[in-house]
Amino acid sequence: PARDALVLWLAARDAAEAAAARAGKPRSTFLFPARGRRGHMTRERFFLLIKDLARGAGLDAAKVSPHTLRHAFATHLLAHGADLRVIQTLLGHASIATTEIYTHVLDARLRELVLSKHPLADENTLLEEKAP
C-alpha cells in the first residue's frame, strides 16, 4: 500500500512540477516540495500532518509522532527477521550500537518463544518465569 501511494504521489507531484515548468517556474528537486522559502516540507509541517492523520484515524495524537513511526518501522522490521545492519542503513545510523537499542523490544517476545516452543521447556519453567 505504501508503494502504491508513493506511485500516485509521484504522478501528482510530477504533473504539478510540469505545470510549474510550463509557467516558467523552476522544477523542485524535493520529494515533497512546498511553497515555503525552503522549497520542501519542513519537519514541523510533517509533525503536524502526522498528528492530524492520527486524530482522523481515531488515535491519541499525543502518542503518535514521526519518532514513534520510525521506532515502529524499525521494530517491525526486526521482529520479522530483518538484519540489524539493514535496519541501521535504512535508519541512517552511523553506529550499529544505536540500532541495537531496538533489540530490547524483542527480548520478552524471544523469551516467551523459547519457553513456550523449546522442547526442553516445561510447564514448571513457564510458571516460574511468569511469577512476580
N, C-alpha and C. Protein backbone atom coordinates (compact mmCIF):
# COMPACT_ATOMS: atom_id res chain seq x y z
N PRO A 1 0.81 -1.22 0.00
CA PRO A 1 0.00 0.00 0.00
C PRO A 1 0.85 1.28 0.00
N ALA A 2 1.96 1.26 0.72
CA ALA A 2 2.81 2.45 0.77
C ALA A 2 3.43 2.71 -0.60
N ARG A 3 3.86 1.64 -1.26
CA ARG A 3 4.45 1.78 -2.59
C ARG A 3 3.42 2.33 -3.58
N ASP A 4 2.19 1.81 -3.51
CA ASP A 4 1.13 2.29 -4.40
C ASP A 4 0.84 3.77 -4.14
N ALA A 5 0.80 4.16 -2.86
CA ALA A 5 0.55 5.56 -2.50
C ALA A 5 1.69 6.45 -3.03
N LEU A 6 2.91 5.96 -2.95
CA LEU A 6 4.05 6.74 -3.43
C LEU A 6 4.00 6.91 -4.95
N VAL A 7 3.60 5.87 -5.65
CA VAL A 7 3.47 5.95 -7.11
C VAL A 7 2.43 7.02 -7.48
N LEU A 8 1.30 7.01 -6.77
CA LEU A 8 0.26 8.03 -7.02
C LEU A 8 0.77 9.43 -6.70
N TRP A 9 1.50 9.55 -5.56
CA TRP A 9 2.03 10.86 -5.18
C TRP A 9 3.02 11.37 -6.22
N LEU A 10 3.91 10.51 -6.67
CA LEU A 10 4.91 10.93 -7.65
C LEU A 10 4.26 11.40 -8.95
N ALA A 11 3.21 10.72 -9.36
CA ALA A 11 2.49 11.14 -10.57
C ALA A 11 1.87 12.52 -10.38
N ALA A 12 1.25 12.74 -9.23
CA ALA A 12 0.64 14.05 -8.93
C ALA A 12 1.71 15.13 -8.81
N ARG A 13 2.80 14.81 -8.11
CA ARG A 13 3.88 15.79 -7.94
C ARG A 13 4.50 16.14 -9.29
N ASP A 14 4.77 15.13 -10.12
CA ASP A 14 5.39 15.37 -11.42
C ASP A 14 4.49 16.20 -12.33
N ALA A 15 3.18 15.96 -12.26
CA ALA A 15 2.24 16.75 -13.05
C ALA A 15 2.26 18.21 -12.60
N ALA A 16 2.31 18.42 -11.29
CA ALA A 16 2.37 19.79 -10.76
C ALA A 16 3.69 20.46 -11.14
N GLU A 17 4.76 19.71 -11.10
CA GLU A 17 6.07 20.26 -11.47
C GLU A 17 6.11 20.61 -12.96
N ALA A 18 5.51 19.78 -13.78
CA ALA A 18 5.46 20.05 -15.23
C ALA A 18 4.66 21.32 -15.49
N ALA A 19 3.54 21.47 -14.79
CA ALA A 19 2.73 22.70 -14.94
C ALA A 19 3.51 23.92 -14.50
N ALA A 20 4.26 23.79 -13.41
CA ALA A 20 5.07 24.90 -12.93
C ALA A 20 6.16 25.25 -13.95
N ALA A 21 6.75 24.23 -14.55
CA ALA A 21 7.80 24.47 -15.55
C ALA A 21 7.22 25.19 -16.77
N ARG A 22 6.02 24.80 -17.19
CA ARG A 22 5.38 25.48 -18.31
C ARG A 22 5.09 26.95 -17.99
N ALA A 23 4.90 27.23 -16.72
CA ALA A 23 4.64 28.61 -16.29
C ALA A 23 5.94 29.37 -16.04
N GLY A 24 7.07 28.72 -16.34
CA GLY A 24 8.37 29.38 -16.20
C GLY A 24 9.00 29.28 -14.82
N LYS A 25 8.44 28.46 -13.97
CA LYS A 25 8.99 28.27 -12.63
C LYS A 25 9.96 27.09 -12.64
N PRO A 26 11.00 27.15 -11.80
CA PRO A 26 11.96 26.04 -11.77
C PRO A 26 11.35 24.78 -11.14
N ARG A 27 11.81 23.64 -11.60
CA ARG A 27 11.36 22.37 -11.04
C ARG A 27 12.00 22.17 -9.66
N SER A 28 11.27 21.51 -8.79
CA SER A 28 11.79 21.20 -7.46
C SER A 28 12.57 19.88 -7.51
N THR A 29 13.57 19.77 -6.69
CA THR A 29 14.33 18.53 -6.58
C THR A 29 13.86 17.70 -5.38
N PHE A 30 12.84 18.18 -4.67
CA PHE A 30 12.40 17.52 -3.45
C PHE A 30 11.26 16.54 -3.69
N LEU A 31 11.23 15.49 -2.88
CA LEU A 31 10.16 14.52 -2.94
C LEU A 31 8.83 15.17 -2.53
N PHE A 32 8.89 16.03 -1.51
CA PHE A 32 7.71 16.73 -1.04
C PHE A 32 7.95 18.23 -1.12
N PRO A 33 7.83 18.80 -2.32
CA PRO A 33 8.06 20.23 -2.47
C PRO A 33 6.98 21.04 -1.75
N ALA A 34 7.34 22.26 -1.40
CA ALA A 34 6.38 23.16 -0.75
C ALA A 34 6.67 24.58 -1.22
N ARG A 35 5.70 25.44 -0.99
CA ARG A 35 5.84 26.83 -1.45
C ARG A 35 6.67 27.68 -0.50
N GLY A 36 7.00 27.16 0.66
CA GLY A 36 7.78 27.93 1.64
C GLY A 36 9.17 28.27 1.11
N ARG A 37 9.85 29.09 1.83
CA ARG A 37 11.18 29.56 1.36
C ARG A 37 12.20 28.43 1.27
N ARG A 38 12.02 27.37 2.05
CA ARG A 38 12.94 26.23 1.98
C ARG A 38 12.70 25.37 0.75
N GLY A 39 11.49 25.44 0.21
CA GLY A 39 11.18 24.69 -1.00
C GLY A 39 10.75 23.26 -0.77
N HIS A 40 10.71 22.82 0.47
CA HIS A 40 10.30 21.45 0.79
C HIS A 40 9.47 21.43 2.06
N MET A 41 8.77 20.33 2.27
CA MET A 41 8.00 20.19 3.50
C MET A 41 8.97 20.18 4.68
N THR A 42 8.68 20.98 5.67
CA THR A 42 9.54 21.03 6.86
C THR A 42 9.20 19.90 7.82
N ARG A 43 10.11 19.63 8.71
CA ARG A 43 9.84 18.59 9.71
C ARG A 43 8.71 19.01 10.63
N GLU A 44 8.57 20.30 10.86
CA GLU A 44 7.47 20.79 11.69
C GLU A 44 6.11 20.52 11.03
N ARG A 45 6.03 20.77 9.72
CA ARG A 45 4.79 20.53 8.99
C ARG A 45 4.49 19.03 8.95
N PHE A 46 5.52 18.22 8.77
CA PHE A 46 5.34 16.77 8.77
C PHE A 46 4.79 16.31 10.12
N PHE A 47 5.34 16.85 11.21
CA PHE A 47 4.88 16.53 12.56
C PHE A 47 3.39 16.84 12.70
N LEU A 48 2.98 18.02 12.23
CA LEU A 48 1.57 18.42 12.32
C LEU A 48 0.67 17.53 11.46
N LEU A 49 1.14 17.16 10.29
CA LEU A 49 0.36 16.26 9.43
C LEU A 49 0.16 14.89 10.09
N ILE A 50 1.19 14.37 10.71
CA ILE A 50 1.10 13.08 11.40
C ILE A 50 0.07 13.17 12.52
N LYS A 51 0.10 14.26 13.27
CA LYS A 51 -0.87 14.45 14.36
C LYS A 51 -2.29 14.51 13.81
N ASP A 52 -2.49 15.25 12.72
CA ASP A 52 -3.82 15.36 12.10
C ASP A 52 -4.31 14.00 11.60
N LEU A 53 -3.42 13.25 10.97
CA LEU A 53 -3.79 11.92 10.47
C LEU A 53 -4.15 10.97 11.62
N ALA A 54 -3.40 11.06 12.71
CA ALA A 54 -3.68 10.22 13.88
C ALA A 54 -5.07 10.54 14.43
N ARG A 55 -5.36 11.82 14.59
CA ARG A 55 -6.69 12.21 15.09
C ARG A 55 -7.78 11.73 14.14
N GLY A 56 -7.56 11.89 12.84
CA GLY A 56 -8.53 11.45 11.85
C GLY A 56 -8.77 9.95 11.89
N ALA A 57 -7.77 9.20 12.32
CA ALA A 57 -7.89 7.74 12.41
C ALA A 57 -8.42 7.30 13.77
N GLY A 58 -8.73 8.28 14.63
CA GLY A 58 -9.25 7.95 15.94
C GLY A 58 -8.19 7.56 16.95
N LEU A 59 -6.94 7.89 16.68
CA LEU A 59 -5.84 7.57 17.59
C LEU A 59 -5.55 8.75 18.51
N ASP A 60 -4.91 8.47 19.62
CA ASP A 60 -4.48 9.53 20.52
C ASP A 60 -3.26 10.21 19.89
N ALA A 61 -3.45 11.42 19.39
CA ALA A 61 -2.38 12.13 18.68
C ALA A 61 -1.16 12.36 19.57
N ALA A 62 -1.35 12.39 20.88
CA ALA A 62 -0.21 12.59 21.78
C ALA A 62 0.75 11.41 21.74
N LYS A 63 0.25 10.25 21.30
CA LYS A 63 1.08 9.05 21.27
C LYS A 63 1.67 8.77 19.89
N VAL A 64 1.39 9.62 18.92
CA VAL A 64 1.86 9.40 17.56
C VAL A 64 2.74 10.58 17.14
N SER A 65 3.90 10.25 16.65
CA SER A 65 4.84 11.27 16.17
C SER A 65 5.72 10.64 15.10
N PRO A 66 6.47 11.46 14.37
CA PRO A 66 7.41 10.86 13.41
C PRO A 66 8.37 9.88 14.10
N HIS A 67 8.77 10.20 15.32
CA HIS A 67 9.68 9.31 16.04
C HIS A 67 9.02 7.97 16.36
N THR A 68 7.75 7.98 16.80
CA THR A 68 7.09 6.71 17.10
C THR A 68 6.89 5.89 15.82
N LEU A 69 6.64 6.55 14.70
CA LEU A 69 6.53 5.83 13.43
C LEU A 69 7.87 5.21 13.04
N ARG A 70 8.94 5.96 13.23
CA ARG A 70 10.29 5.47 12.92
C ARG A 70 10.62 4.27 13.80
N HIS A 71 10.29 4.39 15.09
CA HIS A 71 10.55 3.30 16.03
C HIS A 71 9.74 2.06 15.66
N ALA A 72 8.48 2.25 15.32
CA ALA A 72 7.63 1.13 14.92
C ALA A 72 8.17 0.47 13.65
N PHE A 73 8.60 1.29 12.70
CA PHE A 73 9.17 0.78 11.44
C PHE A 73 10.34 -0.15 11.74
N ALA A 74 11.28 0.32 12.55
CA ALA A 74 12.47 -0.48 12.87
C ALA A 74 12.11 -1.73 13.66
N THR A 75 11.21 -1.59 14.62
CA THR A 75 10.82 -2.71 15.45
C THR A 75 10.12 -3.78 14.63
N HIS A 76 9.22 -3.39 13.74
CA HIS A 76 8.53 -4.36 12.89
C HIS A 76 9.50 -5.07 11.95
N LEU A 77 10.44 -4.34 11.39
CA LEU A 77 11.44 -4.99 10.53
C LEU A 77 12.22 -6.03 11.31
N LEU A 78 12.67 -5.65 12.50
CA LEU A 78 13.45 -6.56 13.33
C LEU A 78 12.62 -7.77 13.74
N ALA A 79 11.38 -7.54 14.12
CA ALA A 79 10.50 -8.64 14.55
C ALA A 79 10.21 -9.62 13.42
N HIS A 80 10.31 -9.14 12.18
CA HIS A 80 10.03 -10.02 11.04
C HIS A 80 11.30 -10.51 10.35
N GLY A 81 12.43 -10.42 11.07
CA GLY A 81 13.64 -11.07 10.60
C GLY A 81 14.64 -10.23 9.83
N ALA A 82 14.42 -8.92 9.74
CA ALA A 82 15.38 -8.08 9.02
C ALA A 82 16.72 -8.07 9.76
N ASP A 83 17.77 -8.04 9.01
CA ASP A 83 19.12 -7.97 9.56
C ASP A 83 19.36 -6.61 10.20
N LEU A 84 20.04 -6.60 11.34
CA LEU A 84 20.29 -5.36 12.07
C LEU A 84 21.08 -4.35 11.23
N ARG A 85 22.00 -4.83 10.40
CA ARG A 85 22.78 -3.93 9.54
C ARG A 85 21.89 -3.26 8.48
N VAL A 86 20.91 -3.98 7.99
CA VAL A 86 19.98 -3.41 7.02
C VAL A 86 19.17 -2.30 7.69
N ILE A 87 18.69 -2.58 8.90
CA ILE A 87 17.92 -1.58 9.64
C ILE A 87 18.80 -0.36 9.92
N GLN A 88 20.05 -0.60 10.27
CA GLN A 88 20.99 0.50 10.51
C GLN A 88 21.08 1.40 9.27
N THR A 89 21.20 0.79 8.11
CA THR A 89 21.29 1.55 6.86
C THR A 89 20.01 2.32 6.60
N LEU A 90 18.87 1.66 6.75
CA LEU A 90 17.59 2.31 6.49
C LEU A 90 17.34 3.50 7.42
N LEU A 91 17.78 3.38 8.67
CA LEU A 91 17.57 4.47 9.63
C LEU A 91 18.65 5.53 9.55
N GLY A 92 19.74 5.21 8.87
CA GLY A 92 20.82 6.18 8.73
C GLY A 92 21.69 6.32 9.97
N HIS A 93 21.74 5.26 10.79
CA HIS A 93 22.57 5.30 11.99
C HIS A 93 24.05 5.12 11.61
N ALA A 94 24.90 5.95 12.15
CA ALA A 94 26.33 5.81 11.90
C ALA A 94 26.90 4.60 12.65
N SER A 95 26.35 4.33 13.81
CA SER A 95 26.86 3.24 14.65
C SER A 95 25.80 2.15 14.81
N ILE A 96 26.24 0.90 14.74
CA ILE A 96 25.33 -0.23 14.95
C ILE A 96 24.82 -0.22 16.39
N ALA A 97 25.58 0.35 17.31
CA ALA A 97 25.16 0.42 18.71
C ALA A 97 23.85 1.20 18.85
N THR A 98 23.67 2.22 18.05
CA THR A 98 22.43 2.99 18.09
C THR A 98 21.26 2.12 17.63
N THR A 99 21.48 1.33 16.61
CA THR A 99 20.43 0.46 16.08
C THR A 99 20.11 -0.66 17.05
N GLU A 100 21.09 -1.13 17.80
CA GLU A 100 20.89 -2.24 18.74
C GLU A 100 19.87 -1.91 19.82
N ILE A 101 19.59 -0.63 20.02
CA ILE A 101 18.59 -0.22 21.01
C ILE A 101 17.25 -0.89 20.70
N TYR A 102 16.96 -1.10 19.43
CA TYR A 102 15.68 -1.70 19.04
C TYR A 102 15.57 -3.17 19.42
N THR A 103 16.67 -3.83 19.71
CA THR A 103 16.62 -5.25 20.03
C THR A 103 15.96 -5.51 21.38
N HIS A 104 15.95 -4.53 22.28
CA HIS A 104 15.34 -4.75 23.60
C HIS A 104 13.85 -5.05 23.50
N VAL A 105 13.21 -4.55 22.47
CA VAL A 105 11.78 -4.76 22.28
C VAL A 105 11.47 -6.23 22.07
N LEU A 106 12.41 -6.93 21.48
CA LEU A 106 12.18 -8.34 21.16
C LEU A 106 12.54 -9.29 22.30
N ASP A 107 13.24 -8.80 23.33
CA ASP A 107 13.69 -9.68 24.40
C ASP A 107 12.55 -10.49 25.02
N ALA A 108 11.45 -9.83 25.40
CA ALA A 108 10.33 -10.53 26.03
C ALA A 108 9.69 -11.51 25.05
N ARG A 109 9.57 -11.09 23.80
CA ARG A 109 8.97 -11.96 22.78
C ARG A 109 9.82 -13.21 22.56
N LEU A 110 11.13 -13.03 22.49
CA LEU A 110 12.03 -14.16 22.28
C LEU A 110 12.03 -15.09 23.48
N ARG A 111 12.00 -14.52 24.67
CA ARG A 111 11.98 -15.33 25.88
C ARG A 111 10.72 -16.21 25.91
N GLU A 112 9.58 -15.60 25.64
CA GLU A 112 8.32 -16.35 25.61
C GLU A 112 8.34 -17.43 24.53
N LEU A 113 8.92 -17.11 23.39
CA LEU A 113 9.01 -18.07 22.29
C LEU A 113 9.85 -19.28 22.70
N VAL A 114 11.00 -19.03 23.30
CA VAL A 114 11.86 -20.14 23.73
C VAL A 114 11.17 -20.97 24.81
N LEU A 115 10.57 -20.30 25.78
CA LEU A 115 9.95 -21.03 26.88
C LEU A 115 8.69 -21.78 26.46
N SER A 116 8.01 -21.30 25.44
CA SER A 116 6.79 -21.97 25.02
C SER A 116 7.01 -22.98 23.90
N LYS A 117 8.08 -22.86 23.15
CA LYS A 117 8.27 -23.73 21.98
C LYS A 117 9.45 -24.69 22.08
N HIS A 118 10.42 -24.38 22.93
CA HIS A 118 11.60 -25.23 23.00
C HIS A 118 11.23 -26.57 23.64
N PRO A 119 11.72 -27.67 23.08
CA PRO A 119 11.33 -28.99 23.59
C PRO A 119 11.79 -29.24 25.03
N LEU A 120 12.79 -28.56 25.51
CA LEU A 120 13.26 -28.78 26.89
C LEU A 120 12.55 -27.88 27.90
N ALA A 121 11.76 -26.94 27.43
CA ALA A 121 10.99 -26.09 28.34
C ALA A 121 9.81 -26.90 28.84
N ASP A 122 9.51 -26.78 30.12
CA ASP A 122 8.35 -27.49 30.66
C ASP A 122 7.40 -26.50 31.33
N GLU A 123 6.27 -27.00 31.76
CA GLU A 123 5.26 -26.14 32.36
C GLU A 123 5.78 -25.46 33.62
N ASN A 124 6.61 -26.16 34.42
CA ASN A 124 7.14 -25.56 35.65
C ASN A 124 8.02 -24.35 35.33
N THR A 125 8.82 -24.46 34.28
CA THR A 125 9.67 -23.35 33.88
C THR A 125 8.82 -22.16 33.48
N LEU A 126 7.76 -22.42 32.73
CA LEU A 126 6.87 -21.34 32.31
C LEU A 126 6.22 -20.68 33.51
N LEU A 127 5.79 -21.47 34.50
CA LEU A 127 5.16 -20.91 35.68
C LEU A 127 6.14 -20.08 36.48
N GLU A 128 7.39 -20.57 36.60
CA GLU A 128 8.41 -19.82 37.34
C GLU A 128 8.70 -18.49 36.66
N GLU A 129 8.77 -18.48 35.32
CA GLU A 129 9.06 -17.26 34.57
C GLU A 129 7.96 -16.22 34.73
N LYS A 130 6.71 -16.66 34.85
CA LYS A 130 5.58 -15.74 34.94
C LYS A 130 5.33 -15.25 36.36
N ALA A 131 5.94 -15.88 37.35
CA ALA A 131 5.75 -15.46 38.74
C ALA A 131 6.38 -14.10 38.96
N PRO A 132 5.79 -13.28 39.87
CA PRO A 132 6.34 -11.92 40.10
C PRO A 132 7.68 -11.93 40.77
